[in-house]
Amino acid sequence: MKNFLLKTCLFLALLLVIRSVSANVSLVVLGDSLSAGYGLSQEQTWVAELDRRWESSHPDINIINASISGETTRGGLRRLEGVLERHKPDALFIELGGNDGLRGFDLNTVRSNLKQIIDQAQKQGVKVGLSQVMVPPNYGQRFAEQFRQVFEEVAKEENVTLIPFFMEEIATNADYVQDDGIHPTAEAQPKIADFLEPYLLELAK
């Protein structure tokens, strides 16, 4: 009788563990320096800020920063298989394309790379959110508009959520941009987290 009760208790405990693990959601951020925290410590990034917040408010969501400074859509595509294999995420937030635009890469290539990233993730059952990305106006109005449209069209064609570009308002505040005029400061990171939090919570559902 004791053995039966012991086995029953162990079985129920195991079920609780399995249910707890299955309830957890893993969200990976695949981005460039804007998410990797160029010029900052990892603890200062907006991703780390959200992680700290969610430890108490949403402990079932695990956010992972797989961003690299200087990353392009091609680099993200090349790394994707390893990222998916290592983290096995439920959701993926893609914040890539800025470096492609700044380097004047062919827009059809940018489009193709983004679509391949999304397709590969979706084939593994990963829910995808795509960040809108923009280039500075000094790159020319025509190119800036064509670049912006790439992300809108990809999101529509791939049926994924297009998340507004979090740098659009940040970039207009000198206190929130580093001396290079591109990267957000440490003071900007909580603002970025505030902006992205509702979108990423919805993505992680």
N, C-alpha and C. Protein backbone atom coordinates (compact mmCIF):
# COMPACT_ATOMS: atom_id res chain seq x y z
N MET A 1 0.83 -1.20 0.00
CA MET A 1 0.00 0.00 0.00
C MET A 1 0.87 1.26 0.00
N LYS A 2 1.91 1.24 0.84
CA LYS A 2 2.82 2.38 0.92
C LYS A 2 3.50 2.62 -0.42
N ASN A 3 3.92 1.51 -1.05
CA ASN A 3 4.59 1.64 -2.36
C ASN A 3 3.64 2.24 -3.39
N PHE A 4 2.38 1.80 -3.32
CA PHE A 4 1.39 2.30 -4.27
C PHE A 4 1.18 3.81 -4.08
N LEU A 5 1.06 4.22 -2.82
CA LEU A 5 0.86 5.64 -2.53
C LEU A 5 2.08 6.45 -2.95
N LEU A 6 3.26 5.91 -2.71
CA LEU A 6 4.50 6.60 -3.06
C LEU A 6 4.59 6.78 -4.57
N LYS A 7 4.27 5.71 -5.30
CA LYS A 7 4.32 5.78 -6.76
C LYS A 7 3.28 6.78 -7.29
N THR A 8 2.12 6.78 -6.65
CA THR A 8 1.07 7.71 -7.08
C THR A 8 1.49 9.15 -6.86
N CYS A 9 2.10 9.41 -5.71
CA CYS A 9 2.56 10.76 -5.41
C CYS A 9 3.65 11.21 -6.37
N LEU A 10 4.56 10.30 -6.67
CA LEU A 10 5.64 10.61 -7.60
C LEU A 10 5.10 10.90 -8.99
N PHE A 11 4.09 10.10 -9.39
CA PHE A 11 3.47 10.29 -10.71
C PHE A 11 2.78 11.65 -10.80
N LEU A 12 2.04 12.01 -9.75
CA LEU A 12 1.35 13.30 -9.74
C LEU A 12 2.34 14.46 -9.73
N ALA A 13 3.44 14.30 -8.99
CA ALA A 13 4.47 15.33 -8.96
C ALA A 13 5.10 15.51 -10.33
N LEU A 14 5.31 14.38 -11.01
CA LEU A 14 5.89 14.44 -12.35
C LEU A 14 4.95 15.15 -13.32
N LEU A 15 3.67 14.89 -13.19
CA LEU A 15 2.67 15.56 -14.04
C LEU A 15 2.70 17.06 -13.83
N LEU A 16 2.83 17.48 -12.57
CA LEU A 16 2.88 18.91 -12.27
C LEU A 16 4.09 19.56 -12.89
N VAL A 17 5.23 18.86 -12.84
CA VAL A 17 6.45 19.38 -13.44
C VAL A 17 6.29 19.52 -14.94
N ILE A 18 5.73 18.48 -15.57
CA ILE A 18 5.52 18.50 -17.02
C ILE A 18 4.59 19.63 -17.42
N ARG A 19 3.50 19.80 -16.65
CA ARG A 19 2.56 20.87 -16.95
C ARG A 19 3.21 22.23 -16.78
N SER A 20 4.05 22.35 -15.73
CA SER A 20 4.72 23.61 -15.48
C SER A 20 5.67 23.96 -16.62
N VAL A 21 6.43 22.97 -17.07
CA VAL A 21 7.39 23.19 -18.14
C VAL A 21 6.67 23.52 -19.44
N SER A 22 5.59 22.78 -19.72
CA SER A 22 4.86 23.00 -20.97
C SER A 22 4.18 24.35 -20.99
N ALA A 23 3.89 24.90 -19.80
CA ALA A 23 3.22 26.19 -19.74
C ALA A 23 4.18 27.34 -20.00
N ASN A 24 5.48 27.11 -19.85
CA ASN A 24 6.47 28.14 -20.07
C ASN A 24 6.56 28.48 -21.55
N VAL A 25 6.81 29.76 -21.82
CA VAL A 25 6.93 30.23 -23.19
C VAL A 25 8.31 30.85 -23.37
N SER A 26 8.99 30.45 -24.43
CA SER A 26 10.31 30.99 -24.72
C SER A 26 10.21 31.94 -25.91
N LEU A 27 10.65 33.18 -25.71
CA LEU A 27 10.62 34.20 -26.74
C LEU A 27 12.05 34.63 -27.06
N VAL A 28 12.46 34.44 -28.29
CA VAL A 28 13.82 34.81 -28.71
C VAL A 28 13.80 36.10 -29.51
N VAL A 29 14.72 36.99 -29.19
CA VAL A 29 14.90 38.24 -29.94
C VAL A 29 16.09 38.04 -30.87
N LEU A 30 15.83 38.07 -32.16
CA LEU A 30 16.88 37.93 -33.17
C LEU A 30 17.10 39.31 -33.79
N GLY A 31 18.08 40.02 -33.28
CA GLY A 31 18.26 41.40 -33.71
C GLY A 31 19.70 41.80 -33.94
N ASP A 32 19.87 43.11 -34.13
CA ASP A 32 21.20 43.67 -34.34
C ASP A 32 21.60 44.50 -33.12
N SER A 33 22.43 45.53 -33.33
CA SER A 33 22.97 46.31 -32.22
C SER A 33 21.90 47.05 -31.42
N LEU A 34 20.76 47.34 -32.04
CA LEU A 34 19.69 48.05 -31.33
C LEU A 34 19.12 47.20 -30.21
N SER A 35 19.19 45.89 -30.36
CA SER A 35 18.71 44.97 -29.33
C SER A 35 19.86 44.35 -28.55
N ALA A 36 21.03 44.25 -29.19
CA ALA A 36 22.19 43.67 -28.52
C ALA A 36 22.77 44.61 -27.48
N GLY A 37 22.47 45.91 -27.62
CA GLY A 37 22.94 46.88 -26.63
C GLY A 37 24.32 47.41 -26.93
N TYR A 38 24.52 47.90 -28.15
CA TYR A 38 25.82 48.47 -28.53
C TYR A 38 26.22 49.58 -27.55
N GLY A 39 27.44 49.46 -27.02
CA GLY A 39 27.96 50.45 -26.09
C GLY A 39 27.44 50.32 -24.68
N LEU A 40 26.64 49.29 -24.42
CA LEU A 40 26.06 49.09 -23.10
C LEU A 40 26.43 47.70 -22.58
N SER A 41 26.20 47.49 -21.29
CA SER A 41 26.33 46.14 -20.74
C SER A 41 25.05 45.37 -21.06
N GLN A 42 25.12 44.05 -21.03
CA GLN A 42 23.94 43.24 -21.31
C GLN A 42 22.82 43.52 -20.32
N GLU A 43 23.17 43.87 -19.09
CA GLU A 43 22.16 44.13 -18.08
C GLU A 43 21.39 45.42 -18.35
N GLN A 44 21.94 46.28 -19.22
CA GLN A 44 21.30 47.56 -19.51
C GLN A 44 20.35 47.51 -20.70
N THR A 45 20.34 46.44 -21.46
CA THR A 45 19.55 46.38 -22.68
C THR A 45 18.05 46.32 -22.38
N TRP A 46 17.26 46.70 -23.36
CA TRP A 46 15.80 46.64 -23.20
C TRP A 46 15.33 45.21 -23.00
N VAL A 47 16.06 44.25 -23.58
CA VAL A 47 15.69 42.84 -23.41
C VAL A 47 15.86 42.43 -21.95
N ALA A 48 16.99 42.82 -21.35
CA ALA A 48 17.23 42.51 -19.94
C ALA A 48 16.21 43.22 -19.05
N GLU A 49 15.82 44.42 -19.45
CA GLU A 49 14.81 45.16 -18.69
C GLU A 49 13.49 44.41 -18.68
N LEU A 50 13.07 43.91 -19.84
CA LEU A 50 11.83 43.12 -19.89
C LEU A 50 11.97 41.84 -19.09
N ASP A 51 13.12 41.22 -19.18
CA ASP A 51 13.35 39.97 -18.44
C ASP A 51 13.16 40.20 -16.94
N ARG A 52 13.70 41.30 -16.43
CA ARG A 52 13.55 41.61 -15.01
C ARG A 52 12.09 41.86 -14.66
N ARG A 53 11.39 42.57 -15.51
CA ARG A 53 9.98 42.85 -15.23
C ARG A 53 9.16 41.58 -15.20
N TRP A 54 9.42 40.72 -16.17
CA TRP A 54 8.60 39.53 -16.33
C TRP A 54 8.90 38.45 -15.31
N GLU A 55 10.02 38.56 -14.61
CA GLU A 55 10.33 37.58 -13.57
C GLU A 55 9.22 37.55 -12.53
N SER A 56 8.62 38.71 -12.28
CA SER A 56 7.54 38.77 -11.29
C SER A 56 6.16 38.84 -11.94
N SER A 57 6.03 39.62 -13.02
CA SER A 57 4.71 39.81 -13.62
C SER A 57 4.31 38.70 -14.58
N HIS A 58 5.28 38.10 -15.26
CA HIS A 58 4.99 37.02 -16.21
C HIS A 58 6.10 35.96 -16.12
N PRO A 59 6.18 35.26 -14.99
CA PRO A 59 7.25 34.29 -14.79
C PRO A 59 7.21 33.11 -15.75
N ASP A 60 6.10 32.95 -16.47
CA ASP A 60 6.00 31.85 -17.42
C ASP A 60 6.65 32.17 -18.76
N ILE A 61 7.09 33.43 -18.95
CA ILE A 61 7.71 33.83 -20.22
C ILE A 61 9.21 34.00 -20.02
N ASN A 62 9.96 33.29 -20.83
CA ASN A 62 11.42 33.38 -20.79
C ASN A 62 11.89 34.09 -22.06
N ILE A 63 12.46 35.29 -21.91
CA ILE A 63 12.93 36.05 -23.06
C ILE A 63 14.43 35.90 -23.21
N ILE A 64 14.87 35.59 -24.42
CA ILE A 64 16.27 35.29 -24.71
C ILE A 64 16.78 36.25 -25.77
N ASN A 65 17.92 36.87 -25.51
CA ASN A 65 18.50 37.82 -26.45
C ASN A 65 19.54 37.13 -27.33
N ALA A 66 19.18 36.89 -28.59
CA ALA A 66 20.11 36.27 -29.54
C ALA A 66 20.56 37.30 -30.58
N SER A 67 20.67 38.56 -30.14
CA SER A 67 21.05 39.65 -31.03
C SER A 67 22.55 39.85 -31.05
N ILE A 68 23.06 40.33 -32.17
CA ILE A 68 24.49 40.59 -32.35
C ILE A 68 24.67 41.94 -33.03
N SER A 69 25.54 42.77 -32.49
CA SER A 69 25.82 44.05 -33.11
C SER A 69 26.38 43.85 -34.52
N GLY A 70 25.90 44.64 -35.45
CA GLY A 70 26.36 44.54 -36.83
C GLY A 70 25.64 43.50 -37.66
N GLU A 71 24.70 42.80 -37.06
CA GLU A 71 24.01 41.71 -37.76
C GLU A 71 23.17 42.23 -38.92
N THR A 72 23.15 41.45 -39.99
CA THR A 72 22.32 41.73 -41.16
C THR A 72 21.26 40.64 -41.29
N THR A 73 20.34 40.82 -42.24
CA THR A 73 19.34 39.78 -42.47
C THR A 73 20.02 38.49 -42.95
N ARG A 74 21.08 38.63 -43.72
CA ARG A 74 21.79 37.45 -44.19
C ARG A 74 22.44 36.71 -43.02
N GLY A 75 23.05 37.48 -42.11
CA GLY A 75 23.68 36.87 -40.94
C GLY A 75 22.66 36.21 -40.04
N GLY A 76 21.50 36.87 -39.87
CA GLY A 76 20.43 36.28 -39.06
C GLY A 76 19.92 34.99 -39.65
N LEU A 77 19.79 34.96 -40.97
CA LEU A 77 19.35 33.75 -41.66
C LEU A 77 20.36 32.63 -41.47
N ARG A 78 21.63 32.98 -41.56
CA ARG A 78 22.68 31.98 -41.42
C ARG A 78 22.72 31.41 -40.00
N ARG A 79 22.43 32.24 -39.01
CA ARG A 79 22.47 31.79 -37.61
C ARG A 79 21.18 31.13 -37.15
N LEU A 80 20.11 31.30 -37.90
CA LEU A 80 18.79 30.92 -37.42
C LEU A 80 18.68 29.47 -37.00
N GLU A 81 19.19 28.57 -37.82
CA GLU A 81 19.06 27.15 -37.51
C GLU A 81 19.65 26.83 -36.14
N GLY A 82 20.82 27.39 -35.86
CA GLY A 82 21.46 27.15 -34.57
C GLY A 82 20.69 27.76 -33.42
N VAL A 83 20.13 28.95 -33.64
CA VAL A 83 19.35 29.61 -32.61
C VAL A 83 18.10 28.80 -32.28
N LEU A 84 17.41 28.33 -33.31
CA LEU A 84 16.20 27.53 -33.08
C LEU A 84 16.52 26.21 -32.41
N GLU A 85 17.62 25.60 -32.82
CA GLU A 85 18.00 24.31 -32.24
C GLU A 85 18.40 24.47 -30.77
N ARG A 86 19.10 25.55 -30.47
CA ARG A 86 19.60 25.75 -29.11
C ARG A 86 18.49 26.15 -28.13
N HIS A 87 17.63 27.08 -28.56
CA HIS A 87 16.65 27.64 -27.63
C HIS A 87 15.25 27.06 -27.77
N LYS A 88 14.96 26.44 -28.92
CA LYS A 88 13.64 25.86 -29.16
C LYS A 88 12.52 26.82 -28.73
N PRO A 89 12.50 28.01 -29.31
CA PRO A 89 11.53 29.02 -28.87
C PRO A 89 10.10 28.74 -29.33
N ASP A 90 9.17 29.32 -28.61
CA ASP A 90 7.77 29.30 -29.02
C ASP A 90 7.47 30.50 -29.90
N ALA A 91 8.24 31.58 -29.70
CA ALA A 91 8.03 32.81 -30.45
C ALA A 91 9.37 33.44 -30.81
N LEU A 92 9.36 34.19 -31.91
CA LEU A 92 10.58 34.83 -32.41
C LEU A 92 10.27 36.27 -32.80
N PHE A 93 11.02 37.20 -32.25
CA PHE A 93 10.90 38.61 -32.62
C PHE A 93 12.11 38.97 -33.48
N ILE A 94 11.84 39.31 -34.75
CA ILE A 94 12.92 39.62 -35.69
C ILE A 94 13.11 41.13 -35.75
N GLU A 95 14.28 41.58 -35.36
CA GLU A 95 14.64 43.01 -35.43
C GLU A 95 15.92 43.11 -36.24
N LEU A 96 15.77 42.95 -37.54
CA LEU A 96 16.92 42.95 -38.45
C LEU A 96 16.60 43.77 -39.70
N GLY A 97 17.63 44.25 -40.34
CA GLY A 97 17.46 44.99 -41.59
C GLY A 97 18.10 46.36 -41.56
N GLY A 98 18.30 46.90 -40.37
CA GLY A 98 18.89 48.23 -40.27
C GLY A 98 20.27 48.32 -40.92
N ASN A 99 21.10 47.33 -40.66
CA ASN A 99 22.45 47.34 -41.23
C ASN A 99 22.41 47.10 -42.74
N ASP A 100 21.45 46.34 -43.20
CA ASP A 100 21.27 46.16 -44.64
C ASP A 100 20.99 47.51 -45.31
N GLY A 101 20.08 48.26 -44.67
CA GLY A 101 19.71 49.55 -45.23
C GLY A 101 20.86 50.54 -45.20
N LEU A 102 21.57 50.60 -44.08
CA LEU A 102 22.68 51.53 -43.95
C LEU A 102 23.81 51.23 -44.92
N ARG A 103 23.91 49.97 -45.32
CA ARG A 103 24.97 49.58 -46.27
C ARG A 103 24.47 49.54 -47.71
N GLY A 104 23.20 49.91 -47.89
CA GLY A 104 22.67 49.99 -49.23
C GLY A 104 22.49 48.66 -49.93
N PHE A 105 22.20 47.61 -49.16
CA PHE A 105 22.01 46.29 -49.76
C PHE A 105 20.78 46.28 -50.67
N ASP A 106 20.79 45.38 -51.62
CA ASP A 106 19.67 45.22 -52.54
C ASP A 106 18.41 44.86 -51.76
N LEU A 107 17.33 45.58 -52.02
CA LEU A 107 16.11 45.40 -51.26
C LEU A 107 15.45 44.05 -51.52
N ASN A 108 15.61 43.52 -52.70
CA ASN A 108 15.07 42.19 -53.00
C ASN A 108 15.77 41.12 -52.17
N THR A 109 17.06 41.33 -51.92
CA THR A 109 17.80 40.39 -51.08
C THR A 109 17.34 40.49 -49.63
N VAL A 110 17.13 41.70 -49.16
CA VAL A 110 16.62 41.90 -47.80
C VAL A 110 15.27 41.21 -47.65
N ARG A 111 14.41 41.42 -48.62
CA ARG A 111 13.08 40.81 -48.62
C ARG A 111 13.19 39.28 -48.57
N SER A 112 14.03 38.72 -49.42
CA SER A 112 14.20 37.27 -49.49
C SER A 112 14.73 36.71 -48.18
N ASN A 113 15.71 37.37 -47.60
CA ASN A 113 16.28 36.90 -46.34
C ASN A 113 15.23 36.89 -45.22
N LEU A 114 14.46 37.96 -45.13
CA LEU A 114 13.42 38.04 -44.09
C LEU A 114 12.38 36.95 -44.27
N LYS A 115 11.97 36.73 -45.51
CA LYS A 115 10.96 35.71 -45.79
C LYS A 115 11.49 34.32 -45.44
N GLN A 116 12.76 34.07 -45.72
CA GLN A 116 13.33 32.77 -45.40
C GLN A 116 13.43 32.56 -43.89
N ILE A 117 13.79 33.62 -43.17
CA ILE A 117 13.84 33.52 -41.70
C ILE A 117 12.47 33.17 -41.15
N ILE A 118 11.47 33.88 -41.63
CA ILE A 118 10.10 33.64 -41.16
C ILE A 118 9.63 32.24 -41.53
N ASP A 119 9.87 31.84 -42.77
CA ASP A 119 9.43 30.52 -43.22
C ASP A 119 10.05 29.41 -42.40
N GLN A 120 11.36 29.50 -42.16
CA GLN A 120 12.05 28.46 -41.40
C GLN A 120 11.51 28.37 -39.98
N ALA A 121 11.27 29.52 -39.38
CA ALA A 121 10.75 29.52 -38.00
C ALA A 121 9.34 28.95 -37.96
N GLN A 122 8.50 29.36 -38.89
CA GLN A 122 7.12 28.89 -38.90
C GLN A 122 7.03 27.40 -39.17
N LYS A 123 7.94 26.86 -39.96
CA LYS A 123 7.94 25.43 -40.22
C LYS A 123 8.19 24.62 -38.96
N GLN A 124 8.81 25.25 -37.97
CA GLN A 124 9.05 24.59 -36.70
C GLN A 124 8.01 24.97 -35.65
N GLY A 125 6.92 25.59 -36.12
CA GLY A 125 5.83 25.93 -35.22
C GLY A 125 6.08 27.15 -34.36
N VAL A 126 7.03 27.99 -34.76
CA VAL A 126 7.38 29.18 -34.00
C VAL A 126 6.53 30.36 -34.46
N LYS A 127 5.92 31.05 -33.53
CA LYS A 127 5.14 32.25 -33.83
C LYS A 127 6.10 33.41 -34.05
N VAL A 128 5.88 34.19 -35.10
CA VAL A 128 6.86 35.22 -35.50
C VAL A 128 6.26 36.61 -35.46
N GLY A 129 7.05 37.55 -34.95
CA GLY A 129 6.75 38.97 -35.03
C GLY A 129 7.91 39.66 -35.72
N LEU A 130 7.60 40.58 -36.62
CA LEU A 130 8.63 41.28 -37.39
C LEU A 130 8.63 42.76 -37.04
N SER A 131 9.78 43.28 -36.68
CA SER A 131 9.88 44.70 -36.39
C SER A 131 9.96 45.51 -37.68
N GLN A 132 9.18 46.57 -37.76
CA GLN A 132 9.38 47.54 -38.82
C GLN A 132 10.75 48.18 -38.59
N VAL A 133 11.47 48.44 -39.65
CA VAL A 133 12.79 49.08 -39.56
C VAL A 133 12.83 50.21 -40.58
N MET A 134 13.48 51.30 -40.19
CA MET A 134 13.59 52.45 -41.09
C MET A 134 15.04 52.91 -41.17
N VAL A 135 15.35 53.60 -42.25
CA VAL A 135 16.67 54.20 -42.40
C VAL A 135 16.53 55.71 -42.23
N PRO A 136 17.62 56.40 -41.84
CA PRO A 136 17.56 57.86 -41.68
C PRO A 136 17.15 58.55 -42.97
N PRO A 137 16.49 59.70 -42.86
CA PRO A 137 16.01 60.42 -44.05
C PRO A 137 17.10 60.89 -44.99
N ASN A 138 18.34 61.00 -44.47
CA ASN A 138 19.43 61.46 -45.34
C ASN A 138 19.82 60.42 -46.39
N TYR A 139 19.22 59.24 -46.33
CA TYR A 139 19.47 58.22 -47.36
C TYR A 139 18.58 58.45 -48.58
N GLY A 140 17.76 59.47 -48.52
CA GLY A 140 16.89 59.80 -49.65
C GLY A 140 15.48 59.32 -49.39
N GLN A 141 14.51 60.17 -49.71
CA GLN A 141 13.12 59.84 -49.42
C GLN A 141 12.65 58.61 -50.19
N ARG A 142 13.08 58.48 -51.43
CA ARG A 142 12.63 57.36 -52.26
C ARG A 142 13.13 56.03 -51.70
N PHE A 143 14.42 55.97 -51.37
CA PHE A 143 14.97 54.73 -50.82
C PHE A 143 14.36 54.43 -49.46
N ALA A 144 14.22 55.46 -48.61
CA ALA A 144 13.66 55.27 -47.28
C ALA A 144 12.24 54.70 -47.36
N GLU A 145 11.44 55.18 -48.30
CA GLU A 145 10.08 54.70 -48.47
C GLU A 145 10.07 53.27 -48.99
N GLN A 146 10.92 52.97 -49.96
CA GLN A 146 10.99 51.61 -50.51
C GLN A 146 11.46 50.63 -49.43
N PHE A 147 12.40 51.07 -48.62
CA PHE A 147 12.92 50.23 -47.55
C PHE A 147 11.82 49.93 -46.54
N ARG A 148 11.08 50.96 -46.14
CA ARG A 148 9.99 50.78 -45.19
C ARG A 148 8.94 49.81 -45.72
N GLN A 149 8.64 49.91 -46.99
CA GLN A 149 7.61 49.07 -47.59
C GLN A 149 8.00 47.59 -47.61
N VAL A 150 9.29 47.31 -47.67
CA VAL A 150 9.74 45.91 -47.66
C VAL A 150 9.18 45.17 -46.45
N PHE A 151 9.25 45.78 -45.29
CA PHE A 151 8.81 45.14 -44.06
C PHE A 151 7.30 45.00 -44.01
N GLU A 152 6.59 46.00 -44.51
CA GLU A 152 5.14 45.93 -44.55
C GLU A 152 4.68 44.81 -45.47
N GLU A 153 5.32 44.72 -46.62
CA GLU A 153 4.94 43.70 -47.61
C GLU A 153 5.28 42.29 -47.12
N VAL A 154 6.45 42.14 -46.53
CA VAL A 154 6.85 40.82 -46.02
C VAL A 154 5.90 40.36 -44.92
N ALA A 155 5.57 41.25 -44.01
CA ALA A 155 4.65 40.89 -42.92
C ALA A 155 3.30 40.47 -43.47
N LYS A 156 2.81 41.19 -44.47
CA LYS A 156 1.51 40.86 -45.06
C LYS A 156 1.56 39.54 -45.80
N GLU A 157 2.62 39.34 -46.60
CA GLU A 157 2.75 38.12 -47.40
C GLU A 157 2.95 36.89 -46.52
N GLU A 158 3.67 37.05 -45.41
CA GLU A 158 3.96 35.92 -44.53
C GLU A 158 2.94 35.78 -43.40
N ASN A 159 2.00 36.71 -43.34
CA ASN A 159 0.94 36.68 -42.32
C ASN A 159 1.51 36.68 -40.91
N VAL A 160 2.42 37.65 -40.66
CA VAL A 160 2.99 37.81 -39.32
C VAL A 160 2.71 39.24 -38.85
N THR A 161 2.78 39.43 -37.54
CA THR A 161 2.54 40.74 -36.96
C THR A 161 3.71 41.67 -37.26
N LEU A 162 3.40 42.85 -37.78
CA LEU A 162 4.42 43.88 -37.99
C LEU A 162 4.40 44.81 -36.79
N ILE A 163 5.48 44.84 -36.05
CA ILE A 163 5.58 45.64 -34.84
C ILE A 163 6.24 46.98 -35.17
N PRO A 164 5.64 48.10 -34.81
CA PRO A 164 6.20 49.42 -35.15
C PRO A 164 7.65 49.56 -34.70
N PHE A 165 8.40 50.38 -35.44
CA PHE A 165 9.82 50.57 -35.18
C PHE A 165 10.01 51.34 -33.88
N PHE A 166 10.65 50.72 -32.90
CA PHE A 166 10.76 51.33 -31.58
C PHE A 166 11.72 52.52 -31.53
N MET A 167 12.54 52.69 -32.58
CA MET A 167 13.49 53.79 -32.59
C MET A 167 12.91 55.08 -33.16
N GLU A 168 11.72 55.02 -33.71
CA GLU A 168 11.17 56.19 -34.41
C GLU A 168 11.05 57.39 -33.48
N GLU A 169 10.53 57.19 -32.28
CA GLU A 169 10.40 58.30 -31.34
C GLU A 169 11.68 58.50 -30.54
N ILE A 170 12.36 57.42 -30.23
CA ILE A 170 13.61 57.51 -29.47
C ILE A 170 14.63 58.39 -30.18
N ALA A 171 14.71 58.25 -31.51
CA ALA A 171 15.73 58.94 -32.30
C ALA A 171 15.58 60.45 -32.29
N THR A 172 14.41 60.95 -31.93
CA THR A 172 14.19 62.40 -31.94
C THR A 172 14.57 63.06 -30.61
N ASN A 173 14.98 62.26 -29.63
CA ASN A 173 15.36 62.78 -28.32
C ASN A 173 16.86 62.60 -28.12
N ALA A 174 17.58 63.72 -28.06
CA ALA A 174 19.04 63.67 -27.97
C ALA A 174 19.53 62.93 -26.73
N ASP A 175 18.74 62.93 -25.67
CA ASP A 175 19.14 62.24 -24.43
C ASP A 175 19.07 60.73 -24.58
N TYR A 176 18.36 60.27 -25.59
CA TYR A 176 18.16 58.84 -25.76
C TYR A 176 19.02 58.24 -26.86
N VAL A 177 19.88 59.03 -27.46
CA VAL A 177 20.73 58.54 -28.55
C VAL A 177 22.19 58.79 -28.23
N GLN A 178 23.02 57.78 -28.46
CA GLN A 178 24.45 57.92 -28.21
C GLN A 178 25.07 58.92 -29.19
N ASP A 179 26.33 59.25 -28.94
CA ASP A 179 27.02 60.26 -29.74
C ASP A 179 27.11 59.90 -31.22
N ASP A 180 26.98 58.61 -31.54
CA ASP A 180 27.05 58.22 -32.95
C ASP A 180 25.79 58.56 -33.71
N GLY A 181 24.75 59.01 -32.99
CA GLY A 181 23.50 59.40 -33.63
C GLY A 181 22.62 58.25 -34.07
N ILE A 182 22.99 57.03 -33.71
CA ILE A 182 22.25 55.84 -34.16
C ILE A 182 21.73 55.00 -33.00
N HIS A 183 22.61 54.69 -32.06
CA HIS A 183 22.28 53.70 -31.03
C HIS A 183 21.67 54.33 -29.79
N PRO A 184 20.67 53.66 -29.22
CA PRO A 184 20.00 54.19 -28.02
C PRO A 184 20.89 54.11 -26.78
N THR A 185 20.72 55.08 -25.90
CA THR A 185 21.49 55.13 -24.65
C THR A 185 20.87 54.19 -23.62
N ALA A 186 21.58 54.10 -22.48
CA ALA A 186 21.05 53.29 -21.38
C ALA A 186 19.73 53.86 -20.89
N GLU A 187 19.60 55.19 -20.90
CA GLU A 187 18.37 55.84 -20.45
C GLU A 187 17.19 55.51 -21.35
N ALA A 188 17.48 55.18 -22.59
CA ALA A 188 16.40 54.88 -23.55
C ALA A 188 15.86 53.47 -23.40
N GLN A 189 16.62 52.57 -22.79
CA GLN A 189 16.24 51.16 -22.77
C GLN A 189 14.90 50.90 -22.07
N PRO A 190 14.63 51.51 -20.91
CA PRO A 190 13.30 51.29 -20.30
C PRO A 190 12.17 51.83 -21.17
N LYS A 191 12.44 52.92 -21.90
CA LYS A 191 11.43 53.48 -22.80
C LYS A 191 11.13 52.49 -23.94
N ILE A 192 12.18 51.86 -24.46
CA ILE A 192 12.00 50.86 -25.51
C ILE A 192 11.22 49.67 -24.96
N ALA A 193 11.57 49.27 -23.75
CA ALA A 193 10.86 48.15 -23.12
C ALA A 193 9.38 48.48 -22.94
N ASP A 194 9.09 49.71 -22.50
CA ASP A 194 7.70 50.15 -22.35
C ASP A 194 6.95 50.03 -23.68
N PHE A 195 7.61 50.47 -24.74
CA PHE A 195 6.99 50.48 -26.06
C PHE A 195 6.72 49.07 -26.58
N LEU A 196 7.72 48.19 -26.43
CA LEU A 196 7.62 46.86 -27.01
C LEU A 196 6.85 45.86 -26.15
N GLU A 197 6.76 46.11 -24.88
CA GLU A 197 6.18 45.11 -23.96
C GLU A 197 4.81 44.62 -24.39
N PRO A 198 3.83 45.47 -24.69
CA PRO A 198 2.51 44.93 -25.07
C PRO A 198 2.54 44.10 -26.34
N TYR A 199 3.38 44.49 -27.30
CA TYR A 199 3.48 43.72 -28.54
C TYR A 199 4.10 42.35 -28.30
N LEU A 200 5.14 42.31 -27.48
CA LEU A 200 5.83 41.04 -27.25
C LEU A 200 5.03 40.13 -26.33
N LEU A 201 4.26 40.69 -25.43
CA LEU A 201 3.38 39.86 -24.60
C LEU A 201 2.32 39.20 -25.47
N GLU A 202 1.81 39.96 -26.42
CA GLU A 202 0.81 39.40 -27.35
C GLU A 202 1.46 38.31 -28.21
N LEU A 203 2.69 38.54 -28.64
CA LEU A 203 3.40 37.55 -29.46
C LEU A 203 3.64 36.27 -28.68
N ALA A 204 3.89 36.40 -27.37
CA ALA A 204 4.21 35.24 -26.55
C ALA A 204 2.99 34.44 -26.10
N LYS A 205 1.79 34.96 -26.40
CA LYS A 205 0.57 34.24 -25.99
C LYS A 205 0.41 32.94 -26.74
